[in-house]
C-alpha atoms as a PDB file:
ATOM      1  CA  MET A   1     -23.877 -31.833 -44.467  1.00  0.00           C
ATOM      2  CA  LEU A   2     -20.519 -31.011 -45.752  1.00  0.00           C
ATOM      3  CA  ILE A   3     -17.308 -29.657 -44.383  1.00  0.00           C
ATOM      4  CA  GLY A   4     -17.854 -26.631 -46.424  1.00  0.00           C
ATOM      5  CA  ASP A   5     -21.146 -26.044 -45.187  1.00  0.00           C
ATOM      6  CA  VAL A   6     -20.765 -27.280 -41.252  1.00  0.00           C
ATOM      7  CA  ALA A   7     -17.343 -24.948 -41.310  1.00  0.00           C
ATOM      8  CA  ARG A   8     -19.566 -22.077 -42.317  1.00  0.00           C
ATOM      9  CA  ARG A   9     -22.674 -22.755 -39.675  1.00  0.00           C
ATOM     10  CA  SER A  10     -19.949 -23.369 -36.745  1.00  0.00           C
ATOM     11  CA  GLY A  11     -17.600 -21.049 -37.500  1.00  0.00           C
ATOM     12  CA  VAL A  12     -14.815 -23.740 -37.040  1.00  0.00           C
ATOM     13  CA  SER A  13     -12.480 -23.709 -39.938  1.00  0.00           C
ATOM     14  CA  ALA A  14     -12.213 -26.929 -42.732  1.00  0.00           C
ATOM     15  CA  ARG A  15      -8.423 -27.081 -41.413  1.00  0.00           C
ATOM     16  CA  MET A  16      -9.972 -27.327 -37.672  1.00  0.00           C
ATOM     17  CA  LEU A  17     -12.464 -30.374 -38.900  1.00  0.00           C
ATOM     18  CA  ARG A  18      -9.835 -32.183 -40.663  1.00  0.00           C
ATOM     19  CA  HIS A  19      -7.841 -32.095 -37.545  1.00  0.00           C
ATOM     20  CA  TYR A  20     -10.469 -33.184 -35.838  1.00  0.00           C
ATOM     21  CA  ASP A  21     -11.045 -36.192 -37.828  1.00  0.00           C
ATOM     22  CA  SER A  22      -7.406 -36.634 -37.733  1.00  0.00           C
ATOM     23  CA  LEU A  23      -7.533 -36.893 -33.892  1.00  0.00           C
ATOM     24  CA  GLY A  24     -10.627 -38.830 -33.999  1.00  0.00           C
ATOM     25  CA  LEU A  25     -12.451 -36.601 -31.926  1.00  0.00           C
ATOM     26  CA  VAL A  26     -15.267 -35.705 -34.326  1.00  0.00           C
ATOM     27  CA  ARG A  27     -15.588 -38.531 -37.741  1.00  0.00           C
ATOM     28  CA  PRO A  28     -18.032 -37.451 -39.700  1.00  0.00           C
ATOM     29  CA  THR A  29     -20.833 -39.983 -40.096  1.00  0.00           C
ATOM     30  CA  GLY A  30     -21.133 -41.114 -43.903  1.00  0.00           C
ATOM     31  CA  ARG A  31     -19.614 -40.344 -46.946  1.00  0.00           C
ATOM     32  CA  THR A  32     -20.551 -38.622 -50.304  1.00  0.00           C
ATOM     33  CA  VAL A  33     -20.314 -40.900 -53.637  1.00  0.00           C
ATOM     34  CA  ALA A  34     -17.425 -38.783 -54.689  1.00  0.00           C
ATOM     35  CA  GLY A  35     -15.784 -39.721 -50.947  1.00  0.00           C
ATOM     36  CA  TYR A  36     -16.727 -36.285 -49.459  1.00  0.00           C
ATOM     37  CA  ARG A  37     -17.137 -36.208 -45.938  1.00  0.00           C
ATOM     38  CA  GLU A  38     -20.593 -35.766 -44.958  1.00  0.00           C
ATOM     39  CA  TYR A  39     -21.671 -34.366 -41.026  1.00  0.00           C
ATOM     40  CA  SER A  40     -24.749 -35.882 -39.381  1.00  0.00           C
ATOM     41  CA  SER A  41     -26.979 -33.618 -36.976  1.00  0.00           C
ATOM     42  CA  GLU A  42     -24.822 -35.533 -34.195  1.00  0.00           C
ATOM     43  CA  ASP A  43     -21.697 -34.711 -35.630  1.00  0.00           C
ATOM     44  CA  ILE A  44     -22.302 -31.604 -35.227  1.00  0.00           C
ATOM     45  CA  ARG A  45     -23.676 -31.408 -31.878  1.00  0.00           C
ATOM     46  CA  ARG A  46     -20.576 -32.846 -31.035  1.00  0.00           C
ATOM     47  CA  ILE A  47     -18.765 -30.365 -32.408  1.00  0.00           C
ATOM     48  CA  PHE A  48     -20.384 -27.729 -30.755  1.00  0.00           C
ATOM     49  CA  HIS A  49     -19.706 -29.706 -27.408  1.00  0.00           C
ATOM     50  CA  ILE A  50     -16.005 -29.144 -28.202  1.00  0.00           C
ATOM     51  CA  GLU A  51     -15.699 -26.137 -29.477  1.00  0.00           C
ATOM     52  CA  SER A  52     -17.659 -25.123 -25.430  1.00  0.00           C
ATOM     53  CA  LEU A  53     -15.288 -27.584 -23.929  1.00  0.00           C
ATOM     54  CA  ARG A  54     -12.229 -25.730 -25.540  1.00  0.00           C
ATOM     55  CA  SER A  55     -13.873 -22.555 -24.590  1.00  0.00           C
ATOM     56  CA  LEU A  56     -12.979 -22.782 -20.542  1.00  0.00           C
ATOM     57  CA  GLY A  57      -9.546 -23.586 -21.733  1.00  0.00           C
ATOM     58  CA  LEU A  58      -9.756 -27.574 -22.337  1.00  0.00           C
ATOM     59  CA  SER A  59      -6.913 -28.590 -24.342  1.00  0.00           C
ATOM     60  CA  LEU A  60      -8.026 -30.717 -27.193  1.00  0.00           C
ATOM     61  CA  LEU A  61      -6.617 -34.698 -25.060  1.00  0.00           C
ATOM     62  CA  GLU A  62      -8.754 -33.466 -21.986  1.00  0.00           C
ATOM     63  CA  VAL A  63     -11.953 -32.649 -24.393  1.00  0.00           C
ATOM     64  CA  ARG A  64     -11.492 -35.997 -26.042  1.00  0.00           C
ATOM     65  CA  ARG A  65     -11.527 -37.138 -22.175  1.00  0.00           C
ATOM     66  CA  ALA A  66     -14.385 -35.574 -20.859  1.00  0.00           C
ATOM     67  CA  LEU A  67     -16.254 -36.813 -23.934  1.00  0.00           C
ATOM     68  CA  GLU A  68     -15.187 -40.497 -24.038  1.00  0.00           C
ATOM     69  CA  ASP A  69     -14.587 -41.713 -20.520  1.00  0.00           C
ATOM     70  CA  PRO A  70     -18.139 -42.778 -18.903  1.00  0.00           C
ATOM     71  CA  GLY A  71     -16.339 -42.451 -15.658  1.00  0.00           C
ATOM     72  CA  PHE A  72     -14.770 -38.669 -15.990  1.00  0.00           C
ATOM     73  CA  THR A  73     -15.798 -36.091 -13.243  1.00  0.00           C
ATOM     74  CA  PRO A  74     -15.133 -32.252 -14.151  1.00  0.00           C
ATOM     75  CA  ALA A  75     -15.118 -30.887 -10.793  1.00  0.00           C
ATOM     76  CA  GLU A  76     -11.352 -31.598 -10.308  1.00  0.00           C
ATOM     77  CA  LEU A  77     -10.333 -30.462 -14.046  1.00  0.00           C
ATOM     78  CA  VAL A  78     -12.745 -27.369 -13.102  1.00  0.00           C
ATOM     79  CA  ASP A  79     -10.571 -26.578 -10.253  1.00  0.00           C
ATOM     80  CA  ASP A  80      -7.214 -26.918 -12.215  1.00  0.00           C
ATOM     81  CA  LEU A  81      -8.093 -24.830 -14.739  1.00  0.00           C
ATOM     82  CA  ILE A  82      -9.941 -21.817 -12.368  1.00  0.00           C
ATOM     83  CA  ARG A  83      -5.790 -22.045 -10.454  1.00  0.00           C
ATOM     84  CA  GLN A  84      -4.619 -21.981 -14.259  1.00  0.00           C
ATOM     85  CA  THR A  85      -6.896 -18.932 -15.078  1.00  0.00           C
ATOM     86  CA  ARG A  86      -5.835 -16.697 -12.078  1.00  0.00           C
ATOM     87  CA  GLN A  87      -2.004 -17.305 -12.380  1.00  0.00           C
ATOM     88  CA  ARG A  88      -2.270 -16.244 -16.031  1.00  0.00           C
ATOM     89  CA  ILE A  89      -4.534 -13.440 -14.999  1.00  0.00           C
ATOM     90  CA  ALA A  90      -1.829 -12.442 -11.717  1.00  0.00           C
ATOM     91  CA  ALA A  91       0.660 -12.875 -14.686  1.00  0.00           C
ATOM     92  CA  GLU A  92      -0.871 -10.891 -17.325  1.00  0.00           C
ATOM     93  CA  THR A  93      -1.884  -8.237 -15.222  1.00  0.00           C
ATOM     94  CA  GLU A  94       1.987  -8.112 -13.395  1.00  0.00           C
ATOM     95  CA  LEU A  95       3.151  -7.364 -17.345  1.00  0.00           C
ATOM     96  CA  LEU A  96       0.282  -4.445 -18.401  1.00  0.00           C
ATOM     97  CA  THR A  97       1.468  -2.869 -14.983  1.00  0.00           C
ATOM     98  CA  ARG A  98       5.155  -2.699 -15.986  1.00  0.00           C
ATOM     99  CA  LEU A  99       3.822  -1.368 -19.424  1.00  0.00           C
ATOM    100  CA  ARG A 100       1.860   1.025 -17.917  1.00  0.00           C
ATOM    101  CA  ARG A 101       4.881   2.057 -15.425  1.00  0.00           C
ATOM    102  CA  ILE A 102       7.265   2.504 -18.373  1.00  0.00           C
ATOM    103  CA  ASP A 103       4.798   4.129 -20.714  1.00  0.00           C
ATOM    104  CA  ALA A 104       4.423   6.830 -17.471  1.00  0.00           C
ATOM    105  CA  ALA A 105       8.221   7.058 -17.506  1.00  0.00           C
ATOM    106  CA  GLU A 106       8.043   8.383 -20.807  1.00  0.00           C
ATOM    107  CA  PRO A 107      11.510   7.109 -22.336  1.00  0.00           C
ATOM    108  CA  THR A 108      12.701   8.530 -25.027  1.00  0.00           C
ATOM    109  CA  GLY A 109      14.743   5.245 -26.268  1.00  0.00           C
ATOM    110  CA  TRP A 110      14.919   1.699 -25.995  1.00  0.00           C
ATOM    111  CA  GLU A 111      18.075   2.038 -23.702  1.00  0.00           C
ATOM    112  CA  ASP A 112      15.921   4.653 -20.811  1.00  0.00           C
ATOM    113  CA  VAL A 113      13.204   1.728 -21.342  1.00  0.00           C
ATOM    114  CA  LEU A 114      16.109  -0.978 -20.265  1.00  0.00           C
ATOM    115  CA  GLN A 115      17.207   1.370 -17.590  1.00  0.00           C
ATOM    116  CA  ILE A 116      13.354   1.592 -16.587  1.00  0.00           C
ATOM    117  CA  VAL A 117      13.002  -2.083 -16.343  1.00  0.00           C
ATOM    118  CA  ALA A 118      16.106  -2.646 -14.655  1.00  0.00           C
ATOM    119  CA  LEU A 119      15.373  -0.674 -11.783  1.00  0.00           C
ATOM    120  CA  LEU A 120      11.538  -1.789 -12.022  1.00  0.00           C
ATOM    121  CA  GLN A 121      13.432  -5.442 -11.286  1.00  0.00           C
ATOM    122  CA  ALA A 122      15.364  -4.199  -8.880  1.00  0.00           C
ATOM    123  CA  LEU A 123      12.654  -2.983  -6.580  1.00  0.00           C
ATOM    124  CA  GLY A 124      11.625  -6.293  -6.631  1.00  0.00           C
ATOM    125  CA  SER A 125      14.807  -7.781  -5.462  1.00  0.00           C
ATOM    126  CA  GLU A 126      14.848 -10.027  -2.438  1.00  0.00           C
ATOM    127  CA  SER A 127      18.178  -8.366  -1.878  1.00  0.00           C
ATOM    128  CA  ALA A 128      17.634  -5.231   0.805  1.00  0.00           C
ATOM    129  CA  GLY A 129      20.641  -3.885  -0.561  1.00  0.00           C
ATOM    130  CA  LYS A 130      19.847  -3.697  -4.348  1.00  0.00           C
ATOM    131  CA  ARG A 131      16.262  -2.758  -3.565  1.00  0.00           C
ATOM    132  CA  GLN A 132      18.066   0.582  -1.606  1.00  0.00           C
ATOM    133  CA  ARG A 133      20.291   1.108  -4.798  1.00  0.00           C
ATOM    134  CA  ALA A 134      17.215   1.182  -7.176  1.00  0.00           C
ATOM    135  CA  ALA A 135      15.544   3.455  -5.189  1.00  0.00           C
ATOM    136  CA  LEU A 136      18.102   6.243  -4.755  1.00  0.00           C
ATOM    137  CA  SER A 137      18.636   5.651  -8.433  1.00  0.00           C
ATOM    138  CA  SER A 138      15.596   6.041  -9.187  1.00  0.00           C
ATOM    139  CA  VAL A 139      15.999   9.763  -8.412  1.00  0.00           C
ATOM    140  CA  THR A 140      19.534  10.357  -9.392  1.00  0.00           C
ATOM    141  CA  GLU A 141      18.923   8.566 -12.870  1.00  0.00           C
ATOM    142  CA  VAL A 142      15.803   7.050 -14.820  1.00  0.00           C
ATOM    143  CA  PRO A 143      13.117   8.235 -13.108  1.00  0.00           C
ATOM    144  CA  VAL A 144      10.900   5.119 -11.818  1.00  0.00           C
ATOM    145  CA  PRO A 145       7.171   6.023 -12.294  1.00  0.00           C
ATOM    146  CA  VAL A 146       6.089   7.217  -8.511  1.00  0.00           C
ATOM    147  CA  GLU A 147       3.191   4.729  -8.650  1.00  0.00           C
ATOM    148  CA  ALA A 148       6.302   1.770  -8.762  1.00  0.00           C
ATOM    149  CA  LEU A 149       7.720   4.110  -5.707  1.00  0.00           C
ATOM    150  CA  VAL A 150       4.656   4.051  -3.478  1.00  0.00           C
ATOM    151  CA  GLU A 151       4.312   0.274  -3.878  1.00  0.00           C
ATOM    152  CA  ALA A 152       7.301  -0.347  -2.917  1.00  0.00           C
ATOM    153  CA  ALA A 153       7.314   2.560  -0.009  1.00  0.00           C
ATOM    154  CA  LEU A 154       3.789   0.380   1.239  1.00  0.00           C
ATOM    155  CA  SER A 155       5.199  -3.435   1.057  1.00  0.00           C
ATOM    156  CA  GLU A 156       9.154  -2.737   2.084  1.00  0.00           C
ATOM    157  CA  ALA A 157       9.703  -4.387   5.823  1.00  0.00           C
ATOM    158  CA  ASP A 158      13.829  -3.064   5.527  1.00  0.00           C
ATOM    159  CA  PRO A 159      13.925   0.297   7.717  1.00  0.00           C
ATOM    160  CA  ASN A 160      17.240   1.612   5.293  1.00  0.00           C
ATOM    161  CA  VAL A 161      15.393   0.163   1.572  1.00  0.00           C
ATOM    162  CA  ALA A 162      12.224   2.014   3.245  1.00  0.00           C
ATOM    163  CA  GLY A 163      14.041   5.279   4.221  1.00  0.00           C
ATOM    164  CA  ALA A 164      15.308   5.243   0.663  1.00  0.00           C
ATOM    165  CA  LEU A 165      11.816   5.006  -0.767  1.00  0.00           C
ATOM    166  CA  ARG A 166      10.088   7.545   1.021  1.00  0.00           C
ATOM    167  CA  TRP A 167      13.240   9.912   0.497  1.00  0.00           C
ATOM    168  CA  ALA A 168      12.328   9.163  -3.646  1.00  0.00           C
ATOM    169  CA  LEU A 169       8.833   9.908  -3.065  1.00  0.00           C
ATOM    170  CA  ALA A 170       9.185  13.201  -1.588  1.00  0.00           C
ATOM    171  CA  GLN A 171      11.846  14.104  -4.205  1.00  0.00           C
ATOM    172  CA  SER A 172       9.248  13.266  -6.855  1.00  0.00           C
ATOM    173  CA  GLY A 173       6.481  15.529  -5.215  1.00  0.00           C
ATOM    174  CA  ASP A 174       2.932  15.143  -4.652  1.00  0.00           C
ATOM    175  CA  GLY A 175       2.634  12.376  -7.731  1.00  0.00           C
ATOM    176  CA  GLY A 176       2.105  10.150  -5.199  1.00  0.00           C
ATOM    177  CA  LEU A 177      -0.260  11.497  -2.572  1.00  0.00           C
ATOM    178  CA  ALA A 178      -3.337   9.996  -4.027  1.00  0.00           C
ATOM    179  CA  LEU A 179      -2.035   6.165  -3.711  1.00  0.00           C
ATOM    180  CA  LEU A 180      -0.599   7.012  -0.427  1.00  0.00           C
ATOM    181  CA  ALA A 181      -3.912   8.310   0.388  1.00  0.00           C
ATOM    182  CA  GLU A 182      -5.462   4.889  -0.315  1.00  0.00           C
ATOM    183  CA  GLY A 183      -2.463   3.595   1.979  1.00  0.00           C
ATOM    184  CA  LEU A 184      -3.623   5.066   5.214  1.00  0.00           C
ATOM    185  CA  VAL A 185      -7.346   2.610   5.106  1.00  0.00           C
ATOM    186  CA  ALA A 186      -5.504  -0.126   3.934  1.00  0.00           C
ATOM    187  CA  PRO A 187      -6.738  -3.132   5.778  1.00  0.00           C
ATOM    188  CA  ALA A 188      -2.821  -4.103   7.116  1.00  0.00           C
ATOM    189  CA  ALA A 189      -1.837  -1.901   9.793  1.00  0.00           C
ATOM    190  CA  GLU A 190       1.799  -2.267   8.309  1.00  0.00           C
ATOM    191  CA  VAL A 191       0.761  -0.585   5.246  1.00  0.00           C
ATOM    192  CA  ARG A 192      -1.169   2.217   7.176  1.00  0.00           C
ATOM    193  CA  ARG A 193       1.692   3.090   9.147  1.00  0.00           C
ATOM    194  CA  ARG A 194       4.263   3.163   6.181  1.00  0.00           C
ATOM    195  CA  ALA A 195       1.915   5.115   4.159  1.00  0.00           C
ATOM    196  CA  VAL A 196       1.794   8.307   6.319  1.00  0.00           C
ATOM    197  CA  GLU A 197       4.955   7.686   7.070  1.00  0.00           C
ATOM    198  CA  SER A 198       6.079   8.643   3.583  1.00  0.00           C
ATOM    199  CA  ILE A 199       2.985  11.432   3.650  1.00  0.00           C
ATOM    200  CA  ALA A 200       4.822  13.017   6.460  1.00  0.00           C
ATOM    201  CA  GLU A 201       8.085  13.518   4.596  1.00  0.00           C
ATOM    202  CA  ILE A 202       6.424  15.015   1.723  1.00  0.00           C
ATOM    203  CA  ALA A 203       7.100  19.258   1.959  1.00  0.00           C
ATOM    204  CA  SER A 204       3.597  20.569   0.485  1.00  0.00           C
ATOM    205  CA  GLY A 205       0.404  21.554   1.448  1.00  0.00           C
ATOM    206  CA  GLU A 206      -1.636  18.673   0.161  1.00  0.00           C
ATOM    207  CA  ALA A 207       0.546  16.421   2.714  1.00  0.00           C
ATOM    208  CA  THR A 208      -0.296  18.306   5.266  1.00  0.00           C
ATOM    209  CA  VAL A 209      -4.390  18.298   4.585  1.00  0.00           C
ATOM    210  CA  LEU A 210      -3.578  14.052   4.406  1.00  0.00           C
ATOM    211  CA  LEU A 211      -1.876  14.346   7.809  1.00  0.00           C
ATOM    212  CA  ARG A 212      -4.291  16.574   9.223  1.00  0.00           C
ATOM    213  CA  ASP A 213      -7.020  14.206   7.854  1.00  0.00           C
ATOM    214  CA  ALA A 214      -5.122  11.448   9.216  1.00  0.00           C
ATOM    215  CA  LEU A 215      -5.812  12.730  13.214  1.00  0.00           C
ATOM    216  CA  ALA A 216      -9.247  11.166  12.444  1.00  0.00           C
ATOM    217  CA  ASN A 217      -7.955   7.969  11.283  1.00  0.00           C
ATOM    218  CA  ARG A 218      -9.713   5.113  13.141  1.00  0.00           C
ATOM    219  CA  ASP A 219      -5.858   3.514  13.783  1.00  0.00           C
ATOM    220  CA  ILE A 220      -4.210   5.377  16.831  1.00  0.00           C
ATOM    221  CA  VAL A 221      -0.685   4.532  15.211  1.00  0.00           C
ATOM    222  CA  VAL A 222      -1.627   6.710  12.092  1.00  0.00           C
ATOM    223  CA  ARG A 223      -3.055   9.394  14.744  1.00  0.00           C
ATOM    224  CA  ARG A 224       0.351   9.745  16.626  1.00  0.00           C
ATOM    225  CA  TYR A 225       3.174   9.557  13.658  1.00  0.00           C
ATOM    226  CA  ALA A 226       0.572  12.450  11.695  1.00  0.00           C
ATOM    227  CA  ALA A 227       0.714  14.285  14.915  1.00  0.00           C
ATOM    228  CA  LEU A 228       4.189  14.550  15.452  1.00  0.00           C
ATOM    229  CA  ALA A 229       4.724  15.293  11.479  1.00  0.00           C
ATOM    230  CA  LEU A 230       2.081  18.426  12.326  1.00  0.00           C
ATOM    231  CA  GLY A 231       3.776  19.327  14.942  1.00  0.00           C
ATOM    232  CA  ALA A 232       6.942  19.611  13.288  1.00  0.00           C
ATOM    233  CA  ARG A 233       5.027  21.663  10.730  1.00  0.00           C
ATOM    234  CA  GLY A 234       3.625  24.280  13.553  1.00  0.00           C
ATOM    235  CA  VAL A 235      -0.288  23.260  12.836  1.00  0.00           C
ATOM    236  CA  PRO A 236      -2.238  23.444  16.402  1.00  0.00           C
ATOM    237  CA  ASP A 237      -5.026  20.407  15.250  1.00  0.00           C
ATOM    238  CA  ALA A 238      -2.126  18.117  16.430  1.00  0.00           C
ATOM    239  CA  VAL A 239      -1.687  19.330  20.168  1.00  0.00           C
ATOM    240  CA  PRO A 240      -5.094  17.190  21.494  1.00  0.00           C
ATOM    241  CA  THR A 241      -2.953  14.168  20.273  1.00  0.00           C
ATOM    242  CA  LEU A 242       0.097  15.161  21.057  1.00  0.00           C
ATOM    243  CA  ILE A 243      -1.004  15.896  24.774  1.00  0.00           C
ATOM    244  CA  ASP A 244      -2.315  12.175  24.861  1.00  0.00           C
ATOM    245  CA  MET A 245       0.750  10.764  24.022  1.00  0.00           C
ATOM    246  CA  VAL A 246       2.790  12.457  26.389  1.00  0.00           C
ATOM    247  CA  VAL A 247       0.009  11.288  29.244  1.00  0.00           C
ATOM    248  CA  GLU A 248       0.545   8.020  27.667  1.00  0.00           C
ATOM    249  CA  GLY A 249       3.952   7.443  27.540  1.00  0.00           C
ATOM    250  CA  THR A 250       4.094   6.664  23.675  1.00  0.00           C
ATOM    251  CA  SER A 251       7.147   8.673  21.927  1.00  0.00           C
ATOM    252  CA  ASP A 252       6.313  10.829  25.028  1.00  0.00           C
ATOM    253  CA  VAL A 253      10.015  12.599  24.069  1.00  0.00           C
ATOM    254  CA  GLU A 254       8.967  13.155  20.902  1.00  0.00           C
ATOM    255  CA  ALA A 255       5.335  14.576  21.268  1.00  0.00           C
ATOM    256  CA  ALA A 256       6.976  17.222  24.091  1.00  0.00           C
ATOM    257  CA  ASP A 257       9.515  18.677  21.910  1.00  0.00           C
ATOM    258  CA  ALA A 258       6.528  19.020  18.710  1.00  0.00           C
ATOM    259  CA  LEU A 259       4.632  20.454  21.326  1.00  0.00           C
ATOM    260  CA  SER A 260       7.641  23.044  22.463  1.00  0.00           C
ATOM    261  CA  ALA A 261       8.280  23.570  18.547  1.00  0.00           C
ATOM    262  CA  LEU A 262       4.527  24.484  18.791  1.00  0.00           C
ATOM    263  CA  ALA A 263       4.534  26.838  21.891  1.00  0.00           C
ATOM    264  CA  SER A 264       7.037  29.062  19.801  1.00  0.00           C
ATOM    265  CA  ASP A 265       3.946  30.852  18.483  1.00  0.00           C
ATOM    266  CA  PRO A 266       2.918  33.341  21.576  1.00  0.00           C
ATOM    267  CA  ALA A 267      -0.481  32.837  20.506  1.00  0.00           C
ATOM    268  CA  LEU A 268      -0.409  29.249  21.002  1.00  0.00           C
ATOM    269  CA  ALA A 269       1.754  28.407  23.790  1.00  0.00           C
ATOM    270  CA  ASP A 270      -0.475  29.330  26.899  1.00  0.00           C
ATOM    271  CA  GLN A 271      -3.605  26.723  24.859  1.00  0.00           C
ATOM    272  CA  ILE A 272      -1.255  24.154  25.447  1.00  0.00           C
ATOM    273  CA  ALA A 273       0.031  25.245  28.683  1.00  0.00           C
ATOM    274  CA  THR A 274      -3.247  25.593  29.645  1.00  0.00           C
ATOM    275  CA  ARG A 275      -3.998  21.998  27.935  1.00  0.00           C
ATOM    276  CA  LEU A 276      -1.388  20.251  29.917  1.00  0.00           C
ATOM    277  CA  VAL A 277      -2.468  21.917  33.129  1.00  0.00           C
ATOM    278  CA  ASP A 278      -6.127  20.582  32.055  1.00  0.00           C
ATOM    279  CA  ARG A 279      -4.903  17.184  31.941  1.00  0.00           C
ATOM    280  CA  LEU A 280      -2.885  17.146  34.920  1.00  0.00           C
ATOM    281  CA  ALA A 281      -6.556  17.963  36.914  1.00  0.00           C
ATOM    282  CA  HIS A 282      -7.499  14.970  36.485  1.00  0.00           C
ATOM    283  CA  GLY A 283      -7.392  13.152  39.784  1.00  0.00           C
ATOM    284  CA  SER A 284      -6.735   9.925  37.683  1.00  0.00           C
ATOM    285  CA  VAL A 285      -3.298  10.913  36.099  1.00  0.00           C
ATOM    286  CA  ALA A 286      -0.706   8.467  36.983  1.00  0.00           C
ATOM    287  CA  SER A 287       2.503   9.724  39.012  1.00  0.00           C
ATOM    288  CA  SER A 288       4.370   8.632  35.875  1.00  0.00           C
ATOM    289  CA  ALA A 289       2.300  10.861  33.343  1.00  0.00           C
ATOM    290  CA  ARG A 290       2.611  13.314  35.787  1.00  0.00           C
ATOM    291  CA  ARG A 291       6.389  13.854  35.508  1.00  0.00           C
ATOM    292  CA  ARG A 292       6.073  13.435  31.892  1.00  0.00           C
ATOM    293  CA  LEU A 293       3.839  16.282  31.939  1.00  0.00           C
ATOM    294  CA  ALA A 294       6.262  18.020  34.168  1.00  0.00           C
ATOM    295  CA  GLN A 295       8.837  17.027  31.857  1.00  0.00           C
ATOM    296  CA  ALA A 296       6.557  18.611  28.556  1.00  0.00           C
ATOM    297  CA  LEU A 297       6.040  21.845  30.594  1.00  0.00           C
ATOM    298  CA  ALA A 298       9.565  22.399  30.610  1.00  0.00           C
ATOM    299  CA  ASP A 299       9.138  24.217  26.944  1.00  0.00           C
ATOM    300  CA  ILE A 300       6.022  25.829  27.402  1.00  0.00           C
ATOM    301  CA  PRO A 301       6.898  29.927  27.845  1.00  0.00           C
ATOM    302  CA  GLY A 302       4.354  31.200  30.016  1.00  0.00           C
ATOM    303  CA  ILE A 303       3.291  32.075  33.377  1.00  0.00           C
ATOM    304  CA  THR A 304       0.537  28.812  32.899  1.00  0.00           C
ATOM    305  CA  ALA A 305       3.271  26.550  32.402  1.00  0.00           C
ATOM    306  CA  SER A 306       5.595  28.321  35.586  1.00  0.00           C
ATOM    307  CA  ARG A 307       2.627  27.863  37.870  1.00  0.00           C
ATOM    308  CA  ALA A 308       2.362  24.747  36.887  1.00  0.00           C
ATOM    309  CA  LEU A 309       5.217  23.265  37.234  1.00  0.00           C
ATOM    310  CA  ALA A 310       5.152  25.274  40.704  1.00  0.00           C
ATOM    311  CA  ASP A 311       2.619  23.421  42.039  1.00  0.00           C
ATOM    312  CA  LEU A 312       4.139  19.596  40.654  1.00  0.00           C
ATOM    313  CA  SER A 313       6.768  20.910  42.817  1.00  0.00           C
ATOM    314  CA  ARG A 314       4.907  19.945  45.794  1.00  0.00           C
ATOM    315  CA  ASP A 315       3.421  16.938  44.552  1.00  0.00           C
ATOM    316  CA  GLU A 316       3.055  13.719  46.721  1.00  0.00           C
ATOM    317  CA  ASP A 317       5.465  11.857  44.585  1.00  0.00           C
ATOM    318  CA  ARG A 318       8.636  12.360  45.194  1.00  0.00           C
ATOM    319  CA  ALA A 319       9.855  11.853  41.852  1.00  0.00           C
ATOM    320  CA  VAL A 320       7.366  14.229  40.283  1.00  0.00           C
ATOM    321  CA  ALA A 321       8.114  17.097  42.798  1.00  0.00           C
ATOM    322  CA  LEU A 322      12.150  16.570  42.229  1.00  0.00           C
ATOM    323  CA  THR A 323      11.807  16.626  38.645  1.00  0.00           C
ATOM    324  CA  ALA A 324       9.136  19.985  38.465  1.00  0.00           C
ATOM    325  CA  ALA A 325      11.873  21.230  41.067  1.00  0.00           C
ATOM    326  CA  TYR A 326      14.737  21.613  38.927  1.00  0.00           C
ATOM    327  CA  ILE A 327      12.490  22.715  35.826  1.00  0.00           C
ATOM    328  CA  LEU A 328      11.670  25.334  37.786  1.00  0.00           C
ATOM    329  CA  LYS A 329      15.277  26.417  38.612  1.00  0.00           C
ATOM    330  CA  LEU A 330      16.244  25.849  34.774  1.00  0.00           C
ATOM    331  CA  ARG A 331      13.223  28.253  33.905  1.00  0.00           C
ATOM    332  CA  ASP A 332      14.806  30.239  36.500  1.00  0.00           C
ATOM    333  CA  ALA A 333      18.002  30.561  34.925  1.00  0.00           C
ATOM    334  CA  ARG A 334      17.247  31.576  31.834  1.00  0.00           C
END
């Protein structure tokens, strides 16, 4: 079979077949009287073998070794090809992500594109200062796609940079909430915490809905952050978790403040006081927890809270009794 026929049937160009010949990969078995290359069926089979190996990403040198070295073992080479392919996919994915983010920012000119690229690079910088400046600049200068801000916020360990990123996300509105909601169920606990912290700083109804849902999250840290944020927003669903935090001594001062804010609503004040009293009724409540509950009752208005404090002023634990008595004195003075 002549080279033109082989090229048509194999899909390998005549130029490439000549290249294979020059490298010694596939040398035609025969020649016609006129001196043209003539390929045998075995030659054609070898061409298909070469193309199959090239389709795996092997170089022509590696193909030659695979076909001619009797001691060749493919396992190591295949492992290396897998590694190279993964690296290439990762690089291409990163490039695609960057291009999508630039497109999402809707640049009007190349100057905008260059500024966006610079900000995206700064967000991934090893310098915390550069990352922080990029987060702040994303609001005051060229907008950075919210997807990039969310990704940065969920991975940021530096508290100052994280605060700047949360602020930038809050300025962007609800655009990042869907991605932050995914962060609430991420495998890593740190990512879940960063997600709920970011949502807590977004003052919108949709963010409040996410925080209310987060009260049922499997991660207790997420539930606590959500409860504190909801308490500040006047959402009564947070009350049970806030009271648990007081009893357990976890951010109990912040939890008591949130309960106090909620109790400014007369319709909620007695309900909160009743729930606090119910926790005191459990005989297994430690004296330290009773003292924290007394402190939480301090700013809860109403007769229910006052009666509970009066009972606590006679508590068997002197520290609890003194705390309750002091709070009652302050309430009476008011």
